[in-house]
C-alpha atoms as a PDB file:
ATOM      1  CA  UNK A   1       3.987  22.320  48.203  1.00  0.00           C
ATOM      2  CA  UNK A   2       7.570  22.054  46.693  1.00  0.00           C
ATOM      3  CA  UNK A   3       7.807  18.313  47.645  1.00  0.00           C
ATOM      4  CA  UNK A   4       4.272  17.735  46.199  1.00  0.00           C
ATOM      5  CA  UNK A   5       5.296  19.381  42.789  1.00  0.00           C
ATOM      6  CA  UNK A   6       8.385  17.334  42.726  1.00  0.00           C
ATOM      7  CA  UNK A   7       6.308  14.160  43.145  1.00  0.00           C
ATOM      8  CA  UNK A   8       3.982  15.222  40.471  1.00  0.00           C
ATOM      9  CA  UNK A   9       6.889  15.871  38.088  1.00  0.00           C
ATOM     10  CA  UNK A  10       8.519  12.552  38.946  1.00  0.00           C
ATOM     11  CA  UNK A  11       5.200  10.717  38.460  1.00  0.00           C
ATOM     12  CA  UNK A  12       4.681  12.427  35.117  1.00  0.00           C
ATOM     13  CA  UNK A  13       8.200  11.536  33.908  1.00  0.00           C
ATOM     14  CA  UNK A  14       7.577   7.786  35.012  1.00  0.00           C
ATOM     15  CA  UNK A  15       4.403   7.820  32.920  1.00  0.00           C
ATOM     16  CA  UNK A  16       5.956   9.427  29.988  1.00  0.00           C
ATOM     17  CA  UNK A  17       8.962   7.106  30.099  1.00  0.00           C
ATOM     18  CA  UNK A  18       6.723   4.148  30.302  1.00  0.00           C
ATOM     19  CA  UNK A  19       4.788   5.319  27.291  1.00  0.00           C
ATOM     20  CA  UNK A  20       7.950   5.905  25.310  1.00  0.00           C
ATOM     21  CA  UNK A  21       9.106   2.447  26.230  1.00  0.00           C
ATOM     22  CA  UNK A  22       5.849   0.945  24.945  1.00  0.00           C
ATOM     23  CA  UNK A  23       6.214   2.923  21.602  1.00  0.00           C
ATOM     24  CA  UNK A  24       9.702   1.501  21.241  1.00  0.00           C
ATOM     25  CA  UNK A  25       8.140  -1.956  21.233  1.00  0.00           C
ATOM     26  CA  UNK A  26       5.710  -1.173  18.411  1.00  0.00           C
ATOM     27  CA  UNK A  27       6.281  -3.448  15.375  1.00  0.00           C
ATOM     28  CA  UNK A  28       4.751  -5.217  12.449  1.00  0.00           C
ATOM     29  CA  UNK A  29       1.931  -6.591  14.613  1.00  0.00           C
ATOM     30  CA  UNK A  30       1.047  -3.290  16.086  1.00  0.00           C
ATOM     31  CA  UNK A  31      -1.221  -2.332  13.215  1.00  0.00           C
ATOM     32  CA  UNK A  32      -1.234  -2.906   9.416  1.00  0.00           C
ATOM     33  CA  UNK A  33       0.653   0.210   8.627  1.00  0.00           C
ATOM     34  CA  UNK A  34       3.043   0.964  11.338  1.00  0.00           C
ATOM     35  CA  UNK A  35       6.091  -0.890  10.205  1.00  0.00           C
ATOM     36  CA  UNK A  36       5.871   0.770   6.700  1.00  0.00           C
ATOM     37  CA  UNK A  37       6.106   4.235   8.074  1.00  0.00           C
ATOM     38  CA  UNK A  38       8.568   3.578  10.985  1.00  0.00           C
ATOM     39  CA  UNK A  39      11.374   1.867   8.832  1.00  0.00           C
ATOM     40  CA  UNK A  40      14.427   3.684   7.422  1.00  0.00           C
ATOM     41  CA  UNK A  41      14.316   5.014   3.800  1.00  0.00           C
ATOM     42  CA  UNK A  42      13.895   2.261   1.354  1.00  0.00           C
ATOM     43  CA  UNK A  43      14.732   1.534  -2.350  1.00  0.00           C
ATOM     44  CA  UNK A  44      12.930  -0.157  -5.196  1.00  0.00           C
ATOM     45  CA  UNK A  45       9.459   0.588  -3.877  1.00  0.00           C
ATOM     46  CA  UNK A  46       6.422  -1.164  -4.651  1.00  0.00           C
ATOM     47  CA  UNK A  47       3.299   1.089  -4.649  1.00  0.00           C
ATOM     48  CA  UNK A  48      -0.402   0.820  -4.739  1.00  0.00           C
ATOM     49  CA  UNK A  49      -3.361  -0.164  -2.699  1.00  0.00           C
ATOM     50  CA  UNK A  50      -4.005  -3.221  -0.292  1.00  0.00           C
ATOM     51  CA  UNK A  51      -4.017  -5.562  -3.437  1.00  0.00           C
ATOM     52  CA  UNK A  52      -0.459  -4.863  -3.991  1.00  0.00           C
ATOM     53  CA  UNK A  53       0.314  -5.059  -0.222  1.00  0.00           C
ATOM     54  CA  UNK A  54      -0.689  -8.579  -0.085  1.00  0.00           C
ATOM     55  CA  UNK A  55       0.092  -9.753  -3.670  1.00  0.00           C
ATOM     56  CA  UNK A  56       3.684  -8.682  -4.213  1.00  0.00           C
ATOM     57  CA  UNK A  57       6.380 -10.143  -2.194  1.00  0.00           C
ATOM     58  CA  UNK A  58       9.731  -8.211  -2.236  1.00  0.00           C
ATOM     59  CA  UNK A  59      11.726 -11.254  -1.124  1.00  0.00           C
ATOM     60  CA  UNK A  60      10.752 -13.096  -4.306  1.00  0.00           C
ATOM     61  CA  UNK A  61      11.187 -10.199  -6.569  1.00  0.00           C
ATOM     62  CA  UNK A  62      14.672  -9.466  -5.142  1.00  0.00           C
ATOM     63  CA  UNK A  63      15.809 -13.147  -5.422  1.00  0.00           C
ATOM     64  CA  UNK A  64      14.724 -13.428  -9.062  1.00  0.00           C
ATOM     65  CA  UNK A  65      16.018 -10.136 -10.187  1.00  0.00           C
ATOM     66  CA  UNK A  66      19.152  -9.899  -8.026  1.00  0.00           C
ATOM     67  CA  UNK A  67      20.998  -6.756  -7.058  1.00  0.00           C
ATOM     68  CA  UNK A  68      17.951  -5.021  -5.567  1.00  0.00           C
ATOM     69  CA  UNK A  69      16.290  -4.690  -2.207  1.00  0.00           C
ATOM     70  CA  UNK A  70      12.705  -3.828  -2.643  1.00  0.00           C
ATOM     71  CA  UNK A  71      10.162  -2.625  -0.128  1.00  0.00           C
ATOM     72  CA  UNK A  72       6.332  -2.872  -0.374  1.00  0.00           C
ATOM     73  CA  UNK A  73       5.047   0.605   0.422  1.00  0.00           C
ATOM     74  CA  UNK A  74       1.460  -0.057  -0.447  1.00  0.00           C
ATOM     75  CA  UNK A  75      -1.404   0.867   1.876  1.00  0.00           C
ATOM     76  CA  UNK A  76      -5.158   1.010   0.974  1.00  0.00           C
ATOM     77  CA  UNK A  77      -7.423   2.486  -1.970  1.00  0.00           C
ATOM     78  CA  UNK A  78      -8.424   5.315   0.357  1.00  0.00           C
ATOM     79  CA  UNK A  79      -4.938   5.943   1.907  1.00  0.00           C
ATOM     80  CA  UNK A  80      -2.552   5.625  -1.148  1.00  0.00           C
ATOM     81  CA  UNK A  81      -4.366   6.327  -4.295  1.00  0.00           C
ATOM     82  CA  UNK A  82      -2.212   8.225  -6.770  1.00  0.00           C
ATOM     83  CA  UNK A  83      -2.174  11.999  -5.772  1.00  0.00           C
ATOM     84  CA  UNK A  84      -0.131  14.646  -4.186  1.00  0.00           C
ATOM     85  CA  UNK A  85      -0.154  12.948  -0.576  1.00  0.00           C
ATOM     86  CA  UNK A  86       1.101   9.659  -1.959  1.00  0.00           C
ATOM     87  CA  UNK A  87       3.663  11.269  -4.167  1.00  0.00           C
ATOM     88  CA  UNK A  88       4.993  13.336  -1.196  1.00  0.00           C
ATOM     89  CA  UNK A  89       5.122  10.280   0.952  1.00  0.00           C
ATOM     90  CA  UNK A  90       7.016   8.342  -1.655  1.00  0.00           C
ATOM     91  CA  UNK A  91       9.536  11.195  -1.935  1.00  0.00           C
ATOM     92  CA  UNK A  92      10.147  10.971   1.793  1.00  0.00           C
ATOM     93  CA  UNK A  93      10.452   7.279   1.904  1.00  0.00           C
ATOM     94  CA  UNK A  94      12.709   6.599  -1.092  1.00  0.00           C
ATOM     95  CA  UNK A  95      16.396   6.277  -0.612  1.00  0.00           C
ATOM     96  CA  UNK A  96      17.649   8.131  -3.566  1.00  0.00           C
ATOM     97  CA  UNK A  97      21.382   7.189  -3.019  1.00  0.00           C
ATOM     98  CA  UNK A  98      20.772   3.781  -4.498  1.00  0.00           C
ATOM     99  CA  UNK A  99      21.235   3.289  -8.263  1.00  0.00           C
ATOM    100  CA  UNK A 100      19.484   1.206 -10.863  1.00  0.00           C
ATOM    101  CA  UNK A 101      16.267   0.583  -8.721  1.00  0.00           C
ATOM    102  CA  UNK A 102      13.160  -1.284  -9.794  1.00  0.00           C
ATOM    103  CA  UNK A 103       9.823   0.264  -9.153  1.00  0.00           C
ATOM    104  CA  UNK A 104       6.474  -1.700  -9.287  1.00  0.00           C
ATOM    105  CA  UNK A 105       3.307   0.290  -9.423  1.00  0.00           C
ATOM    106  CA  UNK A 106      -0.087  -1.313  -8.952  1.00  0.00           C
ATOM    107  CA  UNK A 107      -2.775   0.329 -10.963  1.00  0.00           C
ATOM    108  CA  UNK A 108      -6.654  -0.118 -11.200  1.00  0.00           C
ATOM    109  CA  UNK A 109      -9.573   2.112 -11.648  1.00  0.00           C
ATOM    110  CA  UNK A 110     -10.064   2.717  -7.896  1.00  0.00           C
ATOM    111  CA  UNK A 111      -6.666   4.314  -7.304  1.00  0.00           C
ATOM    112  CA  UNK A 112      -7.268   6.687 -10.262  1.00  0.00           C
ATOM    113  CA  UNK A 113     -10.856   7.695  -9.133  1.00  0.00           C
ATOM    114  CA  UNK A 114     -12.517   9.803  -6.525  1.00  0.00           C
ATOM    115  CA  UNK A 115     -15.962   9.830  -5.020  1.00  0.00           C
ATOM    116  CA  UNK A 116     -16.598  13.512  -4.838  1.00  0.00           C
ATOM    117  CA  UNK A 117     -18.911  15.373  -7.355  1.00  0.00           C
ATOM    118  CA  UNK A 118     -15.703  16.790  -8.822  1.00  0.00           C
ATOM    119  CA  UNK A 119     -13.247  13.997  -9.058  1.00  0.00           C
ATOM    120  CA  UNK A 120     -10.476  16.555  -9.963  1.00  0.00           C
ATOM    121  CA  UNK A 121     -10.877  18.683  -6.805  1.00  0.00           C
ATOM    122  CA  UNK A 122      -7.604  18.054  -4.946  1.00  0.00           C
ATOM    123  CA  UNK A 123      -9.085  19.390  -1.708  1.00  0.00           C
ATOM    124  CA  UNK A 124     -11.687  16.664  -1.824  1.00  0.00           C
ATOM    125  CA  UNK A 125      -9.273  13.760  -2.075  1.00  0.00           C
ATOM    126  CA  UNK A 126     -10.029  11.411   0.850  1.00  0.00           C
ATOM    127  CA  UNK A 127      -6.254  10.790   1.780  1.00  0.00           C
ATOM    128  CA  UNK A 128      -5.573  14.322   2.587  1.00  0.00           C
ATOM    129  CA  UNK A 129      -7.037  13.802   6.054  1.00  0.00           C
ATOM    130  CA  UNK A 130      -5.720  10.277   6.437  1.00  0.00           C
ATOM    131  CA  UNK A 131      -2.542   9.497   8.178  1.00  0.00           C
ATOM    132  CA  UNK A 132      -0.261   9.730   5.016  1.00  0.00           C
ATOM    133  CA  UNK A 133      -1.574  13.235   4.655  1.00  0.00           C
ATOM    134  CA  UNK A 134      -0.995  14.278   8.137  1.00  0.00           C
ATOM    135  CA  UNK A 135       2.193  12.687   9.612  1.00  0.00           C
ATOM    136  CA  UNK A 136       5.462  14.472   9.299  1.00  0.00           C
ATOM    137  CA  UNK A 137       7.738  11.630   8.809  1.00  0.00           C
ATOM    138  CA  UNK A 138       7.566   7.982   7.472  1.00  0.00           C
ATOM    139  CA  UNK A 139      11.194   7.054   8.509  1.00  0.00           C
ATOM    140  CA  UNK A 140      11.344   7.199  12.389  1.00  0.00           C
ATOM    141  CA  UNK A 141      11.136   4.575  14.997  1.00  0.00           C
ATOM    142  CA  UNK A 142       9.361   5.075  17.071  1.00  0.00           C
ATOM    143  CA  UNK A 143       7.068   7.228  14.934  1.00  0.00           C
ATOM    144  CA  UNK A 144       5.692   9.302  17.769  1.00  0.00           C
ATOM    145  CA  UNK A 145       3.493  11.422  15.441  1.00  0.00           C
ATOM    146  CA  UNK A 146       1.776   8.380  14.086  1.00  0.00           C
ATOM    147  CA  UNK A 147       1.329   6.481  17.434  1.00  0.00           C
ATOM    148  CA  UNK A 148      -0.041   9.561  19.106  1.00  0.00           C
ATOM    149  CA  UNK A 149      -2.501  10.784  16.442  1.00  0.00           C
ATOM    150  CA  UNK A 150      -3.357   7.660  14.376  1.00  0.00           C
ATOM    151  CA  UNK A 151      -2.851   4.534  16.409  1.00  0.00           C
ATOM    152  CA  UNK A 152      -6.490   3.451  16.948  1.00  0.00           C
ATOM    153  CA  UNK A 153      -5.954   0.871  19.760  1.00  0.00           C
ATOM    154  CA  UNK A 154      -5.138   1.178  23.452  1.00  0.00           C
ATOM    155  CA  UNK A 155      -1.343   1.448  23.792  1.00  0.00           C
ATOM    156  CA  UNK A 156      -1.261  -1.567  26.030  1.00  0.00           C
ATOM    157  CA  UNK A 157      -2.116  -3.810  23.199  1.00  0.00           C
ATOM    158  CA  UNK A 158       1.321  -3.066  21.595  1.00  0.00           C
ATOM    159  CA  UNK A 159       2.774  -5.238  24.381  1.00  0.00           C
ATOM    160  CA  UNK A 160       0.694  -8.374  23.739  1.00  0.00           C
ATOM    161  CA  UNK A 161      -0.665  -8.001  20.225  1.00  0.00           C
ATOM    162  CA  UNK A 162      -0.819 -11.284  18.524  1.00  0.00           C
ATOM    163  CA  UNK A 163      -2.774 -10.401  15.478  1.00  0.00           C
ATOM    164  CA  UNK A 164      -2.767 -12.963  12.508  1.00  0.00           C
ATOM    165  CA  UNK A 165      -2.264  -9.912  10.193  1.00  0.00           C
ATOM    166  CA  UNK A 166       1.311  -8.608  10.357  1.00  0.00           C
ATOM    167  CA  UNK A 167       3.767  -6.508   8.219  1.00  0.00           C
ATOM    168  CA  UNK A 168       6.939  -8.172   7.184  1.00  0.00           C
ATOM    169  CA  UNK A 169      10.340  -6.473   7.359  1.00  0.00           C
ATOM    170  CA  UNK A 170       9.970  -5.803   3.593  1.00  0.00           C
ATOM    171  CA  UNK A 171       6.726  -4.052   4.053  1.00  0.00           C
ATOM    172  CA  UNK A 172       4.423  -6.752   2.681  1.00  0.00           C
ATOM    173  CA  UNK A 173       1.444  -8.037   4.533  1.00  0.00           C
ATOM    174  CA  UNK A 174       1.159 -11.670   5.739  1.00  0.00           C
ATOM    175  CA  UNK A 175      -1.601 -13.555   7.471  1.00  0.00           C
ATOM    176  CA  UNK A 176      -1.602 -16.785   9.646  1.00  0.00           C
ATOM    177  CA  UNK A 177      -5.436 -17.031   9.299  1.00  0.00           C
ATOM    178  CA  UNK A 178      -6.645 -20.638   8.360  1.00  0.00           C
ATOM    179  CA  UNK A 179      -9.550 -19.749   5.964  1.00  0.00           C
ATOM    180  CA  UNK A 180     -12.504 -22.096   5.268  1.00  0.00           C
ATOM    181  CA  UNK A 181     -14.329 -22.085   1.831  1.00  0.00           C
ATOM    182  CA  UNK A 182     -17.389 -20.900   3.634  1.00  0.00           C
ATOM    183  CA  UNK A 183     -15.541 -17.832   5.078  1.00  0.00           C
ATOM    184  CA  UNK A 184     -13.946 -16.852   1.700  1.00  0.00           C
ATOM    185  CA  UNK A 185     -17.280 -17.116   0.001  1.00  0.00           C
ATOM    186  CA  UNK A 186     -18.883 -14.886   2.516  1.00  0.00           C
ATOM    187  CA  UNK A 187     -16.101 -12.395   2.309  1.00  0.00           C
ATOM    188  CA  UNK A 188     -16.379 -12.380  -1.537  1.00  0.00           C
ATOM    189  CA  UNK A 189     -20.145 -11.715  -1.566  1.00  0.00           C
ATOM    190  CA  UNK A 190     -19.736  -8.864   0.948  1.00  0.00           C
ATOM    191  CA  UNK A 191     -16.849  -7.290  -0.741  1.00  0.00           C
ATOM    192  CA  UNK A 192     -18.541  -7.408  -4.250  1.00  0.00           C
ATOM    193  CA  UNK A 193     -21.712  -5.922  -2.704  1.00  0.00           C
ATOM    194  CA  UNK A 194     -19.619  -3.213  -1.109  1.00  0.00           C
ATOM    195  CA  UNK A 195     -17.821  -2.356  -4.374  1.00  0.00           C
ATOM    196  CA  UNK A 196     -20.937  -2.364  -6.416  1.00  0.00           C
ATOM    197  CA  UNK A 197     -22.193   0.425  -4.225  1.00  0.00           C
ATOM    198  CA  UNK A 198     -18.871   2.234  -4.387  1.00  0.00           C
ATOM    199  CA  UNK A 199     -18.743   1.926  -8.160  1.00  0.00           C
ATOM    200  CA  UNK A 200     -21.872   4.081  -8.318  1.00  0.00           C
ATOM    201  CA  UNK A 201     -20.288   6.839  -6.348  1.00  0.00           C
ATOM    202  CA  UNK A 202     -16.755   6.948  -7.845  1.00  0.00           C
ATOM    203  CA  UNK A 203     -15.635   8.614 -11.066  1.00  0.00           C
ATOM    204  CA  UNK A 204     -12.361   8.537 -12.965  1.00  0.00           C
ATOM    205  CA  UNK A 205     -10.051  11.394 -12.022  1.00  0.00           C
ATOM    206  CA  UNK A 206      -7.824  12.824 -14.725  1.00  0.00           C
ATOM    207  CA  UNK A 207      -5.881  14.662 -11.864  1.00  0.00           C
ATOM    208  CA  UNK A 208      -5.067  11.343 -10.201  1.00  0.00           C
ATOM    209  CA  UNK A 209      -3.811  10.095 -13.649  1.00  0.00           C
ATOM    210  CA  UNK A 210      -1.640  13.302 -13.957  1.00  0.00           C
ATOM    211  CA  UNK A 211      -0.096  12.504 -10.401  1.00  0.00           C
ATOM    212  CA  UNK A 212       0.414   8.999 -11.532  1.00  0.00           C
ATOM    213  CA  UNK A 213       2.481  10.449 -14.445  1.00  0.00           C
ATOM    214  CA  UNK A 214       4.351  12.688 -11.982  1.00  0.00           C
ATOM    215  CA  UNK A 215       5.050   9.740  -9.790  1.00  0.00           C
ATOM    216  CA  UNK A 216       6.465   7.695 -12.698  1.00  0.00           C
ATOM    217  CA  UNK A 217       8.560  10.612 -13.895  1.00  0.00           C
ATOM    218  CA  UNK A 218       9.984  11.042 -10.435  1.00  0.00           C
ATOM    219  CA  UNK A 219      10.889   7.413  -9.931  1.00  0.00           C
ATOM    220  CA  UNK A 220      12.359   7.059 -13.442  1.00  0.00           C
ATOM    221  CA  UNK A 221      15.227   9.419 -12.217  1.00  0.00           C
ATOM    222  CA  UNK A 222      16.355   6.462 -10.033  1.00  0.00           C
ATOM    223  CA  UNK A 223      15.471   3.349 -12.043  1.00  0.00           C
ATOM    224  CA  UNK A 224      13.001   1.380 -14.185  1.00  0.00           C
ATOM    225  CA  UNK A 225       9.226   1.683 -13.572  1.00  0.00           C
ATOM    226  CA  UNK A 226       6.742  -1.118 -14.273  1.00  0.00           C
ATOM    227  CA  UNK A 227       2.974  -0.762 -14.075  1.00  0.00           C
ATOM    228  CA  UNK A 228       0.915  -3.797 -12.919  1.00  0.00           C
ATOM    229  CA  UNK A 229      -2.725  -4.382 -13.042  1.00  0.00           C
ATOM    230  CA  UNK A 230      -3.314  -7.331 -10.763  1.00  0.00           C
ATOM    231  CA  UNK A 231      -5.603 -10.303 -11.243  1.00  0.00           C
ATOM    232  CA  UNK A 232      -8.815 -10.260  -9.098  1.00  0.00           C
ATOM    233  CA  UNK A 233     -11.908 -12.319  -9.006  1.00  0.00           C
ATOM    234  CA  UNK A 234     -13.684 -12.161 -12.309  1.00  0.00           C
ATOM    235  CA  UNK A 235     -16.916 -11.176 -10.734  1.00  0.00           C
ATOM    236  CA  UNK A 236     -15.279  -8.139  -9.024  1.00  0.00           C
ATOM    237  CA  UNK A 237     -13.583  -7.386 -12.329  1.00  0.00           C
ATOM    238  CA  UNK A 238     -17.027  -6.971 -13.941  1.00  0.00           C
ATOM    239  CA  UNK A 239     -17.844  -4.248 -11.394  1.00  0.00           C
ATOM    240  CA  UNK A 240     -14.500  -2.586 -11.799  1.00  0.00           C
ATOM    241  CA  UNK A 241     -14.807  -2.391 -15.524  1.00  0.00           C
ATOM    242  CA  UNK A 242     -18.147  -0.583 -15.036  1.00  0.00           C
ATOM    243  CA  UNK A 243     -16.207   2.248 -13.209  1.00  0.00           C
ATOM    244  CA  UNK A 244     -13.855   2.677 -16.162  1.00  0.00           C
ATOM    245  CA  UNK A 245     -14.441   0.381 -19.179  1.00  0.00           C
ATOM    246  CA  UNK A 246     -11.577   1.873 -21.153  1.00  0.00           C
ATOM    247  CA  UNK A 247      -8.972   1.557 -18.297  1.00  0.00           C
ATOM    248  CA  UNK A 248      -6.513  -0.676 -20.175  1.00  0.00           C
ATOM    249  CA  UNK A 249      -6.623   1.578 -23.227  1.00  0.00           C
ATOM    250  CA  UNK A 250      -5.790   4.563 -21.176  1.00  0.00           C
ATOM    251  CA  UNK A 251      -2.987   2.752 -19.319  1.00  0.00           C
ATOM    252  CA  UNK A 252      -1.506   1.267 -22.447  1.00  0.00           C
ATOM    253  CA  UNK A 253      -1.514   4.696 -24.136  1.00  0.00           C
ATOM    254  CA  UNK A 254       0.107   6.325 -21.071  1.00  0.00           C
ATOM    255  CA  UNK A 255       2.775   3.551 -20.683  1.00  0.00           C
ATOM    256  CA  UNK A 256       3.737   3.924 -24.280  1.00  0.00           C
ATOM    257  CA  UNK A 257       3.806   7.773 -23.946  1.00  0.00           C
ATOM    258  CA  UNK A 258       6.176   7.430 -20.838  1.00  0.00           C
ATOM    259  CA  UNK A 259       8.237   4.617 -22.047  1.00  0.00           C
ATOM    260  CA  UNK A 260       7.269   2.185 -19.172  1.00  0.00           C
ATOM    261  CA  UNK A 261       6.027  -1.438 -19.281  1.00  0.00           C
ATOM    262  CA  UNK A 262       2.467  -2.208 -18.383  1.00  0.00           C
ATOM    263  CA  UNK A 263       1.599  -5.747 -17.476  1.00  0.00           C
ATOM    264  CA  UNK A 264      -1.964  -6.582 -17.399  1.00  0.00           C
ATOM    265  CA  UNK A 265      -2.941  -9.602 -15.313  1.00  0.00           C
ATOM    266  CA  UNK A 266      -6.591  -8.695 -14.996  1.00  0.00           C
ATOM    267  CA  UNK A 267      -7.857 -11.539 -17.184  1.00  0.00           C
ATOM    268  CA  UNK A 268      -6.149 -14.236 -15.170  1.00  0.00           C
ATOM    269  CA  UNK A 269      -8.301 -13.787 -12.024  1.00  0.00           C
ATOM    270  CA  UNK A 270      -9.540 -17.394 -12.182  1.00  0.00           C
ATOM    271  CA  UNK A 271      -6.024 -18.883 -11.785  1.00  0.00           C
ATOM    272  CA  UNK A 272      -5.337 -17.298  -8.507  1.00  0.00           C
ATOM    273  CA  UNK A 273      -6.947 -17.448  -5.063  1.00  0.00           C
ATOM    274  CA  UNK A 274      -8.145 -14.734  -2.751  1.00  0.00           C
ATOM    275  CA  UNK A 275      -9.466 -14.607   0.788  1.00  0.00           C
ATOM    276  CA  UNK A 276     -12.110 -12.273  -0.370  1.00  0.00           C
ATOM    277  CA  UNK A 277     -12.326 -11.259  -4.086  1.00  0.00           C
ATOM    278  CA  UNK A 278      -9.134  -9.368  -4.555  1.00  0.00           C
ATOM    279  CA  UNK A 279      -6.595  -9.899  -1.643  1.00  0.00           C
ATOM    280  CA  UNK A 280      -4.467 -12.878  -2.549  1.00  0.00           C
ATOM    281  CA  UNK A 281      -3.644 -15.854  -0.268  1.00  0.00           C
ATOM    282  CA  UNK A 282       0.080 -16.248   0.283  1.00  0.00           C
ATOM    283  CA  UNK A 283       0.524 -19.199  -2.288  1.00  0.00           C
ATOM    284  CA  UNK A 284      -1.060 -17.166  -5.104  1.00  0.00           C
ATOM    285  CA  UNK A 285       0.979 -14.095  -4.031  1.00  0.00           C
ATOM    286  CA  UNK A 286       4.230 -16.091  -4.361  1.00  0.00           C
ATOM    287  CA  UNK A 287       3.215 -17.336  -7.790  1.00  0.00           C
ATOM    288  CA  UNK A 288       2.217 -13.885  -8.985  1.00  0.00           C
ATOM    289  CA  UNK A 289       5.483 -12.313  -7.523  1.00  0.00           C
ATOM    290  CA  UNK A 290       7.518 -14.717  -9.401  1.00  0.00           C
ATOM    291  CA  UNK A 291       5.672 -14.201 -12.620  1.00  0.00           C
ATOM    292  CA  UNK A 292       6.184 -10.525 -12.387  1.00  0.00           C
ATOM    293  CA  UNK A 293       9.663 -10.758 -11.707  1.00  0.00           C
ATOM    294  CA  UNK A 294      10.201 -13.084 -14.791  1.00  0.00           C
ATOM    295  CA  UNK A 295       8.396 -10.551 -17.019  1.00  0.00           C
ATOM    296  CA  UNK A 296      10.552  -7.781 -15.667  1.00  0.00           C
ATOM    297  CA  UNK A 297      13.660  -9.771 -16.480  1.00  0.00           C
ATOM    298  CA  UNK A 298      12.275 -10.561 -19.915  1.00  0.00           C
ATOM    299  CA  UNK A 299      11.504  -6.924 -20.655  1.00  0.00           C
ATOM    300  CA  UNK A 300      15.136  -5.881 -20.116  1.00  0.00           C
ATOM    301  CA  UNK A 301      17.286  -5.419 -23.290  1.00  0.00           C
END
C-alpha cells in the first residue's frame, strides 16, 4: 500500500510538473490577452478597447516622442470599458517609479455605456465577471490564475499554437492574415449588423464617465494624459452616434474641465482601412500611430 501511494504521488508530481512546464511556455500566441497580463509592470499605458489594441503601436509612439517606453494595455469593449475593474487593473499594471509618462486613452460611446436597465448599476457591469475582474495579478509569468481559470483552449495548444493573431512584446495586437476584399466586406456587414442590435440595448453611463475621470486623475499623477477617439468606418460611425449623439461635446467639456487634450479622428474614417469596420489593418495603424505621436508633440508647450 505504501509503495502504491508513493507511485501515485510521484505520478501526480510528474503531471503537475509537466503542466507547469507548459504554462512557462505560454506567450503572445497563446491567446489574445495572455501576454498583456503576464508581463512585468509597465509605463506610459495605452488604454481602451480592441480598437486601440490594433490601432496604436507603442514602438511608433516611442520612436517619435523619445524618452518613453509605452505599453498597449487595451482589451475589448466588454473586458475593459472604463469602470472600477479596469481602473484597479491599471493601478496593478502601472510602474509608478517612472517619471514623465505619456498615457493614451481610447474613448468612444461603447466604453462609456452599459447594456443593463440601469446603466449606472456597478453590480451589473459586464467586466466584473470577466477575467480582469477575477484574476489576482496582471504582472506574473506564468500567470497561473489566468491559465487555470480563464484560458479557454486545451493546454496542449500552448505548445504548438501558430495563430495568425498574436500579442507583441509592447502589448499591441498584430495579425499575419492575408485578407481579401470579399472577406473584409463580409466582416464589415456582419459587424455593423451586430452593433446595430447592440446600440438598441446600450445606454450611456454617467458612472462610467465618472470612472474615466478617476482614471485620468490617477494617471495625471505620473504624466500627461491624452484622449483619443479613433477613426472607424463611417457606416459604423452612424450607428455609434445613435447611441450617443453628443459624445464629442461631452468629451470636449470633460477634457477642458480636466486639462487634458482630446484628439478626435472620428470624421477621418474614410482615410484608413480596417479588416472589419473598426479594427485597423497594420499599415493604417502605423500611419495613425505616427499622427497621434505628432499631435502629442505639437501639444506640448
